[in-house]
PDB file of all heavy atoms in Angstrom:
ATOM      1  N   GLU A   1      73.453   7.520  99.814  1.00  0.00           N
ATOM      2  CA  GLU A   1      74.594   7.834 100.875  1.00  0.00           C
ATOM      3  C   GLU A   1      74.429   7.071 102.142  1.00  0.00           C
ATOM      4  O   GLU A   1      75.412   6.820 102.858  1.00  0.00           O
ATOM      5  CB  GLU A   1      74.734   9.295 101.129  1.00  0.00           C
ATOM      6  CG  GLU A   1      75.383  10.092  99.923  1.00  0.00           C
ATOM      7  CD  GLU A   1      75.446  11.592 100.314  1.00  0.00           C
ATOM      8  OE1 GLU A   1      75.003  11.936 101.400  1.00  0.00           O
ATOM      9  OE2 GLU A   1      76.319  12.234  99.611  1.00  0.00           O
ATOM     10  N   MET A   2      73.196   6.790 102.703  1.00  0.00           N
ATOM     11  CA  MET A   2      73.141   6.270 104.000  1.00  0.00           C
ATOM     12  C   MET A   2      72.179   5.058 104.129  1.00  0.00           C
ATOM     13  O   MET A   2      72.007   4.584 105.239  1.00  0.00           O
ATOM     14  CB  MET A   2      72.627   7.391 105.018  1.00  0.00           C
ATOM     15  CG  MET A   2      71.548   8.237 104.458  1.00  0.00           C
ATOM     16  SD  MET A   2      71.077   9.495 105.581  1.00  0.00           S
ATOM     17  CE  MET A   2      70.469   8.679 106.934  1.00  0.00           C
ATOM     18  N   GLY A   3      71.627   4.682 102.943  1.00  0.00           N
ATOM     19  CA  GLY A   3      70.743   3.512 103.010  1.00  0.00           C
ATOM     20  C   GLY A   3      69.397   3.612 103.613  1.00  0.00           C
ATOM     21  O   GLY A   3      68.591   2.731 103.787  1.00  0.00           O
ATOM     22  N   LYS A   4      68.935   4.824 103.800  1.00  0.00           N
ATOM     23  CA  LYS A   4      67.604   5.109 104.364  1.00  0.00           C
ATOM     24  C   LYS A   4      66.593   4.766 103.229  1.00  0.00           C
ATOM     25  O   LYS A   4      66.843   5.189 101.933  1.00  0.00           O
ATOM     26  CB  LYS A   4      67.436   6.670 104.637  1.00  0.00           C
ATOM     27  CG  LYS A   4      66.205   6.979 105.167  1.00  0.00           C
ATOM     28  CD  LYS A   4      66.130   8.608 105.537  1.00  0.00           C
ATOM     29  CE  LYS A   4      66.067   8.651 107.036  1.00  0.00           C
ATOM     30  NZ  LYS A   4      65.869  10.059 107.571  1.00  0.00           N
ATOM     31  N   PRO A   5      65.491   4.089 103.535  1.00  0.00           N
ATOM     32  CA  PRO A   5      64.522   3.761 102.483  1.00  0.00           C
ATOM     33  C   PRO A   5      64.073   5.069 101.838  1.00  0.00           C
ATOM     34  O   PRO A   5      63.837   6.108 102.360  1.00  0.00           O
ATOM     35  CB  PRO A   5      63.372   3.149 103.294  1.00  0.00           C
ATOM     36  CG  PRO A   5      64.100   2.605 104.597  1.00  0.00           C
ATOM     37  CD  PRO A   5      65.098   3.573 104.852  1.00  0.00           C
ATOM     38  N   VAL A   6      63.989   4.933 100.510  1.00  0.00           N
ATOM     39  CA  VAL A   6      63.557   6.032  99.648  1.00  0.00           C
ATOM     40  C   VAL A   6      62.297   6.789 100.209  1.00  0.00           C
ATOM     41  O   VAL A   6      62.099   7.926 100.148  1.00  0.00           O
ATOM     42  CB  VAL A   6      63.508   5.809  98.255  1.00  0.00           C
ATOM     43  CG1 VAL A   6      62.318   4.907  97.875  1.00  0.00           C
ATOM     44  CG2 VAL A   6      63.756   7.029  97.423  1.00  0.00           C
ATOM     45  N   SER A   7      61.295   5.989 100.638  1.00  0.00           N
ATOM     46  CA  SER A   7      59.929   6.598 101.111  1.00  0.00           C
ATOM     47  C   SER A   7      60.327   7.413 102.253  1.00  0.00           C
ATOM     48  O   SER A   7      59.796   8.484 102.507  1.00  0.00           O
ATOM     49  CB  SER A   7      58.981   5.557 101.337  1.00  0.00           C
ATOM     50  OG  SER A   7      59.483   4.633 102.326  1.00  0.00           O
ATOM     51  N   GLN A   8      61.211   7.017 103.267  1.00  0.00           N
ATOM     52  CA  GLN A   8      61.490   7.770 104.338  1.00  0.00           C
ATOM     53  C   GLN A   8      62.293   8.947 104.007  1.00  0.00           C
ATOM     54  O   GLN A   8      62.187  10.084 104.640  1.00  0.00           O
ATOM     55  CB  GLN A   8      62.330   7.042 105.419  1.00  0.00           C
ATOM     56  CG  GLN A   8      61.445   5.871 106.037  1.00  0.00           C
ATOM     57  CD  GLN A   8      62.265   5.097 107.116  1.00  0.00           C
ATOM     58  OE1 GLN A   8      63.361   5.566 107.451  1.00  0.00           O
ATOM     59  NE2 GLN A   8      61.695   3.954 107.456  1.00  0.00           N
ATOM     60  N   ALA A   9      63.133   8.856 103.056  1.00  0.00           N
ATOM     61  CA  ALA A   9      63.901  10.090 102.525  1.00  0.00           C
ATOM     62  C   ALA A   9      63.011  11.089 101.934  1.00  0.00           C
ATOM     63  O   ALA A   9      63.197  12.277 102.147  1.00  0.00           O
ATOM     64  CB  ALA A   9      65.005   9.563 101.587  1.00  0.00           C
ATOM     65  N   ARG A  10      62.027  10.697 101.129  1.00  0.00           N
ATOM     66  CA  ARG A  10      60.974  11.588 100.584  1.00  0.00           C
ATOM     67  C   ARG A  10      60.403  12.243 101.658  1.00  0.00           C
ATOM     68  O   ARG A  10      60.061  13.484 101.669  1.00  0.00           O
ATOM     69  CB  ARG A  10      60.057  10.858  99.642  1.00  0.00           C
ATOM     70  CG  ARG A  10      60.561  10.422  98.272  1.00  0.00           C
ATOM     71  CD  ARG A  10      59.441   9.804  97.472  1.00  0.00           C
ATOM     72  NE  ARG A  10      59.924   9.161  96.299  1.00  0.00           N
ATOM     73  CZ  ARG A  10      60.002   7.898  96.052  1.00  0.00           C
ATOM     74  NH1 ARG A  10      59.346   7.026  96.911  1.00  0.00           N
ATOM     75  NH2 ARG A  10      60.468   7.460  94.936  1.00  0.00           N
ATOM     76  N   GLY A  11      60.007  11.459 102.689  1.00  0.00           N
ATOM     77  CA  GLY A  11      59.196  12.029 103.807  1.00  0.00           C
ATOM     78  C   GLY A  11      60.033  13.062 104.594  1.00  0.00           C
ATOM     79  O   GLY A  11      59.589  14.111 105.045  1.00  0.00           O
ATOM     80  N   GLU A  12      61.313  12.805 104.700  1.00  0.00           N
ATOM     81  CA  GLU A  12      62.276  13.786 105.327  1.00  0.00           C
ATOM     82  C   GLU A  12      62.330  15.160 104.703  1.00  0.00           C
ATOM     83  O   GLU A  12      62.158  16.109 105.245  1.00  0.00           O
ATOM     84  CB  GLU A  12      63.618  13.172 105.537  1.00  0.00           C
ATOM     85  CG  GLU A  12      64.527  14.088 106.225  1.00  0.00           C
ATOM     86  CD  GLU A  12      65.905  13.531 106.418  1.00  0.00           C
ATOM     87  OE1 GLU A  12      66.188  12.365 106.353  1.00  0.00           O
ATOM     88  OE2 GLU A  12      66.774  14.351 106.647  1.00  0.00           O
ATOM     89  N   ALA A  13      62.472  15.037 103.322  1.00  0.00           N
ATOM     90  CA  ALA A  13      62.415  16.328 102.504  1.00  0.00           C
ATOM     91  C   ALA A  13      61.135  17.185 102.782  1.00  0.00           C
ATOM     92  O   ALA A  13      61.086  18.324 102.891  1.00  0.00           O
ATOM     93  CB  ALA A  13      62.787  16.039 101.047  1.00  0.00           C
ATOM     94  N   GLU A  14      60.000  16.386 102.677  1.00  0.00           N
ATOM     95  CA  GLU A  14      58.751  17.029 102.834  1.00  0.00           C
ATOM     96  C   GLU A  14      58.523  17.588 104.250  1.00  0.00           C
ATOM     97  O   GLU A  14      57.987  18.676 104.372  1.00  0.00           O
ATOM     98  CB  GLU A  14      57.509  16.079 102.503  1.00  0.00           C
ATOM     99  CG  GLU A  14      56.169  16.602 102.680  1.00  0.00           C
ATOM    100  CD  GLU A  14      55.905  17.938 101.858  1.00  0.00           C
ATOM    101  OE1 GLU A  14      56.391  17.988 100.747  1.00  0.00           O
ATOM    102  OE2 GLU A  14      55.149  18.764 102.312  1.00  0.00           O
ATOM    103  N   LYS A  15      58.951  16.863 105.166  1.00  0.00           N
ATOM    104  CA  LYS A  15      58.827  17.314 106.529  1.00  0.00           C
ATOM    105  C   LYS A  15      59.691  18.630 106.666  1.00  0.00           C
ATOM    106  O   LYS A  15      59.203  19.522 107.441  1.00  0.00           O
ATOM    107  CB  LYS A  15      59.322  16.254 107.510  1.00  0.00           C
ATOM    108  CG  LYS A  15      59.274  16.540 109.052  1.00  0.00           C
ATOM    109  CD  LYS A  15      59.744  15.301 109.823  1.00  0.00           C
ATOM    110  CE  LYS A  15      59.862  15.722 111.251  1.00  0.00           C
ATOM    111  NZ  LYS A  15      60.373  14.613 112.075  1.00  0.00           N
ATOM    112  N   SER A  16      60.814  18.620 106.171  1.00  0.00           N
ATOM    113  CA  SER A  16      61.740  19.749 106.259  1.00  0.00           C
ATOM    114  C   SER A  16      61.091  20.956 105.637  1.00  0.00           C
ATOM    115  O   SER A  16      61.109  22.173 106.080  1.00  0.00           O
ATOM    116  CB  SER A  16      63.090  19.449 105.799  1.00  0.00           C
ATOM    117  OG  SER A  16      63.668  18.423 106.363  1.00  0.00           O
ATOM    118  N   ALA A  17      60.478  20.717 104.476  1.00  0.00           N
ATOM    119  CA  ALA A  17      59.784  21.868 103.742  1.00  0.00           C
ATOM    120  C   ALA A  17      58.580  22.310 104.529  1.00  0.00           C
ATOM    121  O   ALA A  17      58.434  23.564 104.690  1.00  0.00           O
ATOM    122  CB  ALA A  17      59.245  21.324 102.385  1.00  0.00           C
ATOM    123  N   THR A  18      57.889  21.496 105.122  1.00  0.00           N
ATOM    124  CA  THR A  18      56.785  21.825 106.036  1.00  0.00           C
ATOM    125  C   THR A  18      57.231  22.710 107.245  1.00  0.00           C
ATOM    126  O   THR A  18      56.651  23.788 107.606  1.00  0.00           O
ATOM    127  CB  THR A  18      55.915  20.607 106.477  1.00  0.00           C
ATOM    128  OG1 THR A  18      55.462  19.968 105.274  1.00  0.00           O
ATOM    129  CG2 THR A  18      54.760  20.993 107.395  1.00  0.00           C
ATOM    130  N   LEU A  19      58.368  22.324 107.830  1.00  0.00           N
ATOM    131  CA  LEU A  19      58.872  22.965 108.965  1.00  0.00           C
ATOM    132  C   LEU A  19      59.328  24.458 108.650  1.00  0.00           C
ATOM    133  O   LEU A  19      58.973  25.415 109.288  1.00  0.00           O
ATOM    134  CB  LEU A  19      59.980  22.251 109.583  1.00  0.00           C
ATOM    135  CG  LEU A  19      60.709  22.899 110.802  1.00  0.00           C
ATOM    136  CD1 LEU A  19      59.774  22.756 112.010  1.00  0.00           C
ATOM    137  CD2 LEU A  19      62.063  22.419 111.027  1.00  0.00           C
ATOM    138  N   CYS A  20      60.002  24.574 107.395  1.00  0.00           N
ATOM    139  CA  CYS A  20      60.292  25.929 106.858  1.00  0.00           C
ATOM    140  C   CYS A  20      59.003  26.812 106.708  1.00  0.00           C
ATOM    141  O   CYS A  20      59.068  27.971 107.097  1.00  0.00           O
ATOM    142  CB  CYS A  20      61.016  25.797 105.678  1.00  0.00           C
ATOM    143  SG  CYS A  20      62.634  25.104 105.720  1.00  0.00           S
ATOM    144  N   GLU A  21      58.082  26.153 106.152  1.00  0.00           N
ATOM    145  CA  GLU A  21      56.815  26.918 106.040  1.00  0.00           C
ATOM    146  C   GLU A  21      56.221  27.291 107.355  1.00  0.00           C
ATOM    147  O   GLU A  21      55.609  28.446 107.490  1.00  0.00           O
ATOM    148  CB  GLU A  21      55.877  26.231 105.200  1.00  0.00           C
ATOM    149  CG  GLU A  21      56.155  26.152 103.666  1.00  0.00           C
ATOM    150  CD  GLU A  21      55.369  25.229 102.831  1.00  0.00           C
ATOM    151  OE1 GLU A  21      54.766  24.359 103.436  1.00  0.00           O
ATOM    152  OE2 GLU A  21      55.407  25.457 101.643  1.00  0.00           O
ATOM    153  N   TYR A  22      56.160  26.424 108.290  1.00  0.00           N
ATOM    154  CA  TYR A  22      55.694  26.645 109.717  1.00  0.00           C
ATOM    155  C   TYR A  22      56.324  27.835 110.281  1.00  0.00           C
ATOM    156  O   TYR A  22      55.587  28.741 110.836  1.00  0.00           O
ATOM    157  CB  TYR A  22      55.887  25.464 110.541  1.00  0.00           C
ATOM    158  CG  TYR A  22      55.361  25.608 111.957  1.00  0.00           C
ATOM    159  CD1 TYR A  22      54.068  25.434 112.254  1.00  0.00           C
ATOM    160  CD2 TYR A  22      56.251  25.993 112.922  1.00  0.00           C
ATOM    161  CE1 TYR A  22      53.613  25.689 113.581  1.00  0.00           C
ATOM    162  CE2 TYR A  22      55.878  26.160 114.260  1.00  0.00           C
ATOM    163  CZ  TYR A  22      54.494  26.016 114.491  1.00  0.00           C
ATOM    164  OH  TYR A  22      54.220  26.355 115.902  1.00  0.00           O
ATOM    165  N   TYR A  23      57.615  27.854 110.218  1.00  0.00           N
ATOM    166  CA  TYR A  23      58.372  28.989 110.916  1.00  0.00           C
ATOM    167  C   TYR A  23      58.125  30.288 110.176  1.00  0.00           C
ATOM    168  O   TYR A  23      58.117  31.312 110.666  1.00  0.00           O
ATOM    169  CB  TYR A  23      59.885  28.592 111.105  1.00  0.00           C
ATOM    170  CG  TYR A  23      60.055  27.786 112.207  1.00  0.00           C
ATOM    171  CD1 TYR A  23      60.607  26.469 112.010  1.00  0.00           C
ATOM    172  CD2 TYR A  23      59.748  28.095 113.438  1.00  0.00           C
ATOM    173  CE1 TYR A  23      60.932  25.703 113.207  1.00  0.00           C
ATOM    174  CE2 TYR A  23      59.938  27.377 114.525  1.00  0.00           C
ATOM    175  CZ  TYR A  23      60.457  26.031 114.443  1.00  0.00           C
ATOM    176  OH  TYR A  23      60.731  25.271 115.577  1.00  0.00           O
ATOM    177  N   ALA A  24      58.099  30.251 108.788  1.00  0.00           N
ATOM    178  CA  ALA A  24      57.915  31.318 108.070  1.00  0.00           C
ATOM    179  C   ALA A  24      56.353  32.029 108.414  1.00  0.00           C
ATOM    180  O   ALA A  24      56.251  33.201 108.619  1.00  0.00           O
ATOM    181  CB  ALA A  24      57.809  31.109 106.469  1.00  0.00           C
ATOM    182  N   ARG A  25      55.464  31.147 108.691  1.00  0.00           N
ATOM    183  CA  ARG A  25      54.163  31.554 108.980  1.00  0.00           C
ATOM    184  C   ARG A  25      54.004  32.032 110.482  1.00  0.00           C
ATOM    185  O   ARG A  25      53.301  33.011 110.766  1.00  0.00           O
ATOM    186  CB  ARG A  25      53.139  30.420 108.751  1.00  0.00           C
ATOM    187  CG  ARG A  25      51.601  30.820 108.715  1.00  0.00           C
ATOM    188  CD  ARG A  25      50.760  29.663 108.332  1.00  0.00           C
ATOM    189  NE  ARG A  25      51.241  28.875 107.265  1.00  0.00           N
ATOM    190  CZ  ARG A  25      51.530  27.609 107.137  1.00  0.00           C
ATOM    191  NH1 ARG A  25      51.459  26.855 108.262  1.00  0.00           N
ATOM    192  NH2 ARG A  25      51.959  27.109 106.055  1.00  0.00           N
ATOM    193  N   HIS A  26      54.657  31.349 111.335  1.00  0.00           N
ATOM    194  CA  HIS A  26      54.480  31.618 112.904  1.00  0.00           C
ATOM    195  C   HIS A  26      55.537  32.283 113.471  1.00  0.00           C
ATOM    196  O   HIS A  26      55.437  32.469 114.832  1.00  0.00           O
ATOM    197  CB  HIS A  26      54.271  30.269 113.513  1.00  0.00           C
ATOM    198  CG  HIS A  26      52.939  29.645 112.865  1.00  0.00           C
ATOM    199  ND1 HIS A  26      51.727  30.110 113.153  1.00  0.00           N
ATOM    200  CD2 HIS A  26      52.790  28.570 112.094  1.00  0.00           C
ATOM    201  CE1 HIS A  26      50.809  29.286 112.623  1.00  0.00           C
ATOM    202  NE2 HIS A  26      51.410  28.309 111.924  1.00  0.00           N
ATOM    203  N   ALA A  27      56.685  32.685 112.927  1.00  0.00           N
ATOM    204  CA  ALA A  27      57.800  33.231 113.655  1.00  0.00           C
ATOM    205  C   ALA A  27      57.380  34.479 114.427  1.00  0.00           C
ATOM    206  O   ALA A  27      57.966  34.585 115.534  1.00  0.00           O
ATOM    207  CB  ALA A  27      58.929  33.606 112.587  1.00  0.00           C
ATOM    208  N   THR A  28      56.698  35.249 113.832  1.00  0.00           N
ATOM    209  CA  THR A  28      56.242  36.622 114.556  1.00  0.00           C
ATOM    210  C   THR A  28      55.654  36.339 115.895  1.00  0.00           C
ATOM    211  O   THR A  28      55.788  37.003 116.909  1.00  0.00           O
ATOM    212  CB  THR A  28      55.568  37.588 113.783  1.00  0.00           C
ATOM    213  OG1 THR A  28      54.379  36.818 113.303  1.00  0.00           O
ATOM    214  CG2 THR A  28      56.259  38.152 112.711  1.00  0.00           C
ATOM    215  N   ARG A  29      54.824  35.367 115.880  1.00  0.00           N
ATOM    216  CA  ARG A  29      54.116  34.857 117.243  1.00  0.00           C
ATOM    217  C   ARG A  29      55.028  34.089 118.098  1.00  0.00           C
ATOM    218  O   ARG A  29      55.105  34.414 119.312  1.00  0.00           O
ATOM    219  CB  ARG A  29      52.876  33.944 116.856  1.00  0.00           C
ATOM    220  CG  ARG A  29      52.162  33.463 118.079  1.00  0.00           C
ATOM    221  CD  ARG A  29      51.006  32.436 117.762  1.00  0.00           C
ATOM    222  NE  ARG A  29      51.360  31.410 116.892  1.00  0.00           N
ATOM    223  CZ  ARG A  29      52.007  30.273 117.284  1.00  0.00           C
ATOM    224  NH1 ARG A  29      52.283  30.078 118.607  1.00  0.00           N
ATOM    225  NH2 ARG A  29      52.210  29.283 116.506  1.00  0.00           N
ATOM    226  N   ILE A  30      55.839  33.146 117.551  1.00  0.00           N
ATOM    227  CA  ILE A  30      56.682  32.420 118.397  1.00  0.00           C
ATOM    228  C   ILE A  30      57.840  33.164 119.096  1.00  0.00           C
ATOM    229  O   ILE A  30      58.247  32.992 120.215  1.00  0.00           O
ATOM    230  CB  ILE A  30      57.358  31.285 117.622  1.00  0.00           C
ATOM    231  CG1 ILE A  30      56.253  30.282 117.127  1.00  0.00           C
ATOM    232  CG2 ILE A  30      58.298  30.530 118.373  1.00  0.00           C
ATOM    233  CD1 ILE A  30      56.747  29.281 116.063  1.00  0.00           C
ATOM    234  N   LEU A  31      58.301  34.146 118.331  1.00  0.00           N
ATOM    235  CA  LEU A  31      59.481  34.894 118.711  1.00  0.00           C
ATOM    236  C   LEU A  31      59.123  36.307 119.328  1.00  0.00           C
ATOM    237  O   LEU A  31      60.169  37.096 119.507  1.00  0.00           O
ATOM    238  CB  LEU A  31      60.491  35.005 117.575  1.00  0.00           C
ATOM    239  CG  LEU A  31      61.088  33.680 117.122  1.00  0.00           C
ATOM    240  CD1 LEU A  31      61.998  33.874 115.918  1.00  0.00           C
ATOM    241  CD2 LEU A  31      61.849  32.929 118.289  1.00  0.00           C
ATOM    242  N   ARG A  32      57.931  36.628 119.461  1.00  0.00           N
ATOM    243  CA  ARG A  32      57.674  38.030 119.966  1.00  0.00           C
ATOM    244  C   ARG A  32      58.075  38.036 121.278  1.00  0.00           C
ATOM    245  O   ARG A  32      58.143  37.202 122.184  1.00  0.00           O
ATOM    246  CB  ARG A  32      56.135  38.282 119.879  1.00  0.00           C
ATOM    247  CG  ARG A  32      55.314  37.668 120.795  1.00  0.00           C
ATOM    248  CD  ARG A  32      53.890  38.188 120.678  1.00  0.00           C
ATOM    249  NE  ARG A  32      53.017  37.270 121.349  1.00  0.00           N
ATOM    250  CZ  ARG A  32      52.110  36.443 120.833  1.00  0.00           C
ATOM    251  NH1 ARG A  32      51.937  36.458 119.508  1.00  0.00           N
ATOM    252  NH2 ARG A  32      51.362  35.683 121.521  1.00  0.00           N
ATOM    253  N   SER A  33      58.564  39.310 121.786  1.00  0.00           N
ATOM    254  CA  SER A  33      58.950  39.626 123.126  1.00  0.00           C
ATOM    255  C   SER A  33      57.756  39.574 124.174  1.00  0.00           C
ATOM    256  O   SER A  33      56.609  39.682 123.661  1.00  0.00           O
ATOM    257  CB  SER A  33      59.638  40.922 123.237  1.00  0.00           C
ATOM    258  OG  SER A  33      60.816  41.099 122.406  1.00  0.00           O
ATOM    259  N   GLU A  34      58.009  39.119 125.298  1.00  0.00           N
ATOM    260  CA  GLU A  34      56.876  39.009 126.278  1.00  0.00           C
ATOM    261  C   GLU A  34      57.330  39.404 127.661  1.00  0.00           C
ATOM    262  O   GLU A  34      58.568  39.278 128.005  1.00  0.00           O
ATOM    263  CB  GLU A  34      56.360  37.609 126.290  1.00  0.00           C
ATOM    264  CG  GLU A  34      57.451  36.573 126.494  1.00  0.00           C
ATOM    265  CD  GLU A  34      56.822  35.105 126.330  1.00  0.00           C
ATOM    266  OE1 GLU A  34      56.222  34.640 127.336  1.00  0.00           O
ATOM    267  OE2 GLU A  34      57.002  34.529 125.224  1.00  0.00           O
ATOM    268  N   THR A  35      56.470  39.782 128.514  1.00  0.00           N
ATOM    269  CA  THR A  35      56.696  39.882 129.839  1.00  0.00           C
ATOM    270  C   THR A  35      56.170  38.706 130.569  1.00  0.00           C
ATOM    271  O   THR A  35      54.966  38.493 130.647  1.00  0.00           O
ATOM    272  CB  THR A  35      55.977  41.225 130.425  1.00  0.00           C
ATOM    273  OG1 THR A  35      56.417  42.255 129.556  1.00  0.00           O
ATOM    274  CG2 THR A  35      56.289  41.490 131.900  1.00  0.00           C
ATOM    275  N   PRO A  36      57.053  38.044 131.294  1.00  0.00           N
ATOM    276  CA  PRO A  36      56.569  36.804 132.025  1.00  0.00           C
ATOM    277  C   PRO A  36      55.527  37.184 133.055  1.00  0.00           C
ATOM    278  O   PRO A  36      55.716  38.131 133.725  1.00  0.00           O
ATOM    279  CB  PRO A  36      57.893  36.236 132.637  1.00  0.00           C
ATOM    280  CG  PRO A  36      59.090  36.869 131.888  1.00  0.00           C
ATOM    281  CD  PRO A  36      58.443  38.195 131.454  1.00  0.00           C
ATOM    282  N   GLU A  37      54.548  36.350 133.236  1.00  0.00           N
ATOM    283  CA  GLU A  37      53.597  36.487 134.342  1.00  0.00           C
ATOM    284  C   GLU A  37      54.292  36.574 135.709  1.00  0.00           C
ATOM    285  O   GLU A  37      55.101  35.765 136.043  1.00  0.00           O
ATOM    286  CB  GLU A  37      52.562  35.362 134.250  1.00  0.00           C
ATOM    287  CG  GLU A  37      51.460  35.621 135.150  1.00  0.00           C
ATOM    288  CD  GLU A  37      50.389  34.476 134.920  1.00  0.00           C
ATOM    289  OE1 GLU A  37      50.204  33.966 133.775  1.00  0.00           O
ATOM    290  OE2 GLU A  37      49.820  34.113 135.986  1.00  0.00           O
ATOM    291  N   GLY A  38      53.793  37.684 136.414  1.00  0.00           N
ATOM    292  CA  GLY A  38      54.370  37.794 137.711  1.00  0.00           C
ATOM    293  C   GLY A  38      55.710  38.526 137.848  1.00  0.00           C
ATOM    294  O   GLY A  38      56.177  38.829 138.931  1.00  0.00           O
ATOM    295  N   ALA A  39      56.229  38.774 136.698  1.00  0.00           N
ATOM    296  CA  ALA A  39      57.629  39.553 136.678  1.00  0.00           C
ATOM    297  C   ALA A  39      57.311  41.032 136.733  1.00  0.00           C
ATOM    298  O   ALA A  39      56.208  41.443 136.356  1.00  0.00           O
ATOM    299  CB  ALA A  39      58.350  39.110 135.363  1.00  0.00           C
ATOM    300  N   PRO A  40      58.353  41.773 137.095  1.00  0.00           N
ATOM    301  CA  PRO A  40      58.161  43.206 137.074  1.00  0.00           C
ATOM    302  C   PRO A  40      57.891  43.730 135.742  1.00  0.00           C
ATOM    303  O   PRO A  40      58.337  43.036 134.697  1.00  0.00           O
ATOM    304  CB  PRO A  40      59.559  43.727 137.648  1.00  0.00           C
ATOM    305  CG  PRO A  40      60.244  42.650 138.229  1.00  0.00           C
ATOM    306  CD  PRO A  40      59.687  41.278 137.611  1.00  0.00           C
TER     307      PRO A  40
END
């Protein structure tokens, strides 16, 4: 569809899969509520 080299296209699919796993693993840490330092 876009002329991207197949090796880069494979890499994009793998990178996207890795990102999904990263957020599945780390979402509770990344998105936990917090009180900013120095705030009430």
